[in-house]
Amino acid sequence: MTLLETAETEVVVEAAQVFRNSAGPTEHSFVRDFNQMITDNPLPLP
């Protein structure tokens, strides 16, 4: 629960953290572009 004690705004999926922390050399642009797409077009809330 230490992660939740920070001021960072982040979705926490513990099982996915290993993937998050080991992006390959070509994945950074994908992650950046995906994050921008979600920022520009947020998912609708139910």
N, C-alpha and C. Protein backbone atom coordinates (compact mmCIF):
# COMPACT_ATOMS: atom_id res chain seq x y z
N MET A 1 0.81 -1.19 0.00
CA MET A 1 0.00 0.00 0.00
C MET A 1 0.86 1.26 0.00
N THR A 2 2.16 1.11 0.02
CA THR A 2 3.05 2.26 0.00
C THR A 2 2.82 3.11 -1.23
N LEU A 3 2.54 2.47 -2.35
CA LEU A 3 2.30 3.19 -3.59
C LEU A 3 1.14 4.16 -3.46
N LEU A 4 0.13 3.79 -2.71
CA LEU A 4 -1.05 4.63 -2.56
C LEU A 4 -0.81 5.81 -1.62
N GLU A 5 0.31 5.82 -0.91
CA GLU A 5 0.61 6.90 0.03
C GLU A 5 1.32 8.07 -0.64
N THR A 6 1.59 7.99 -1.94
CA THR A 6 2.27 9.07 -2.64
C THR A 6 1.25 10.06 -3.19
N ALA A 7 1.72 11.19 -3.68
CA ALA A 7 0.86 12.20 -4.27
C ALA A 7 0.63 11.95 -5.75
N GLU A 8 1.19 10.88 -6.29
CA GLU A 8 1.05 10.56 -7.70
C GLU A 8 -0.37 10.11 -8.01
N THR A 9 -0.88 10.54 -9.16
CA THR A 9 -2.17 10.05 -9.65
C THR A 9 -1.86 8.92 -10.61
N GLU A 10 -2.28 7.72 -10.26
CA GLU A 10 -1.91 6.56 -11.06
C GLU A 10 -2.90 5.44 -10.85
N VAL A 11 -3.17 4.72 -11.93
CA VAL A 11 -3.97 3.51 -11.84
C VAL A 11 -3.02 2.39 -11.45
N VAL A 12 -3.38 1.64 -10.44
CA VAL A 12 -2.49 0.60 -9.93
C VAL A 12 -3.05 -0.78 -10.27
N VAL A 13 -2.32 -1.51 -11.08
CA VAL A 13 -2.63 -2.90 -11.37
C VAL A 13 -1.35 -3.65 -11.03
N GLU A 14 -1.30 -4.19 -9.83
CA GLU A 14 -0.05 -4.76 -9.33
C GLU A 14 0.53 -5.82 -10.26
N ALA A 15 -0.31 -6.63 -10.87
CA ALA A 15 0.18 -7.70 -11.74
C ALA A 15 0.85 -7.13 -12.99
N ALA A 16 0.54 -5.90 -13.36
CA ALA A 16 1.10 -5.31 -14.58
C ALA A 16 2.36 -4.49 -14.32
N GLN A 17 2.72 -4.27 -13.07
CA GLN A 17 3.88 -3.42 -12.77
C GLN A 17 5.17 -3.97 -13.36
N VAL A 18 5.34 -5.26 -13.42
CA VAL A 18 6.55 -5.83 -13.99
C VAL A 18 6.69 -5.42 -15.46
N PHE A 19 5.58 -5.33 -16.17
CA PHE A 19 5.63 -4.91 -17.57
C PHE A 19 5.88 -3.41 -17.69
N ARG A 20 5.29 -2.65 -16.81
CA ARG A 20 5.44 -1.19 -16.81
C ARG A 20 6.89 -0.81 -16.59
N ASN A 21 7.56 -1.53 -15.75
CA ASN A 21 8.94 -1.19 -15.40
C ASN A 21 9.97 -1.77 -16.36
N SER A 22 9.55 -2.40 -17.44
CA SER A 22 10.52 -3.00 -18.36
C SER A 22 10.12 -2.75 -19.81
N ALA A 23 9.85 -1.50 -20.13
CA ALA A 23 9.48 -1.18 -21.52
C ALA A 23 10.67 -1.42 -22.44
N GLY A 24 10.39 -1.98 -23.61
CA GLY A 24 11.44 -2.23 -24.60
C GLY A 24 11.84 -0.94 -25.30
N PRO A 25 12.87 -1.00 -26.14
CA PRO A 25 13.40 0.21 -26.77
C PRO A 25 12.42 0.91 -27.70
N THR A 26 11.44 0.20 -28.23
CA THR A 26 10.49 0.84 -29.14
C THR A 26 9.13 1.08 -28.49
N GLU A 27 9.00 0.76 -27.23
CA GLU A 27 7.70 0.88 -26.56
C GLU A 27 7.43 2.26 -25.99
N HIS A 28 8.44 3.06 -25.77
CA HIS A 28 8.22 4.36 -25.15
C HIS A 28 7.34 5.26 -26.00
N SER A 29 7.55 5.26 -27.31
CA SER A 29 6.70 6.10 -28.18
C SER A 29 5.27 5.58 -28.17
N PHE A 30 5.09 4.26 -28.14
CA PHE A 30 3.74 3.69 -28.08
C PHE A 30 3.04 4.14 -26.80
N VAL A 31 3.73 4.04 -25.67
CA VAL A 31 3.14 4.42 -24.39
C VAL A 31 2.82 5.92 -24.38
N ARG A 32 3.74 6.73 -24.85
CA ARG A 32 3.51 8.18 -24.91
C ARG A 32 2.29 8.51 -25.78
N ASP A 33 2.23 7.90 -26.97
CA ASP A 33 1.12 8.15 -27.89
C ASP A 33 -0.21 7.64 -27.32
N PHE A 34 -0.18 6.48 -26.69
CA PHE A 34 -1.40 5.93 -26.07
C PHE A 34 -1.89 6.85 -24.96
N ASN A 35 -0.98 7.29 -24.11
CA ASN A 35 -1.36 8.19 -23.02
C ASN A 35 -1.95 9.48 -23.57
N GLN A 36 -1.37 10.01 -24.64
CA GLN A 36 -1.90 11.23 -25.24
C GLN A 36 -3.29 11.00 -25.82
N MET A 37 -3.49 9.84 -26.45
CA MET A 37 -4.79 9.51 -27.01
C MET A 37 -5.86 9.46 -25.92
N ILE A 38 -5.54 8.84 -24.79
CA ILE A 38 -6.49 8.75 -23.68
C ILE A 38 -6.74 10.14 -23.07
N THR A 39 -5.71 10.97 -23.02
CA THR A 39 -5.88 12.32 -22.50
C THR A 39 -6.79 13.13 -23.42
N ASP A 40 -6.59 13.00 -24.71
CA ASP A 40 -7.39 13.75 -25.69
C ASP A 40 -8.80 13.21 -25.83
N ASN A 41 -8.99 11.92 -25.61
CA ASN A 41 -10.30 11.26 -25.79
C ASN A 41 -10.58 10.35 -24.60
N PRO A 42 -10.89 10.94 -23.43
CA PRO A 42 -11.10 10.11 -22.23
C PRO A 42 -12.21 9.08 -22.43
N LEU A 43 -12.05 7.97 -21.77
CA LEU A 43 -13.08 6.93 -21.79
C LEU A 43 -14.31 7.44 -21.02
N PRO A 44 -15.50 7.21 -21.55
CA PRO A 44 -16.70 7.67 -20.85
C PRO A 44 -16.90 6.91 -19.54
N LEU A 45 -17.35 7.62 -18.55
CA LEU A 45 -17.65 6.97 -17.28
C LEU A 45 -19.08 6.43 -17.33
N PRO A 46 -19.31 5.29 -16.70
CA PRO A 46 -20.66 4.70 -16.72
C PRO A 46 -21.67 5.55 -15.98
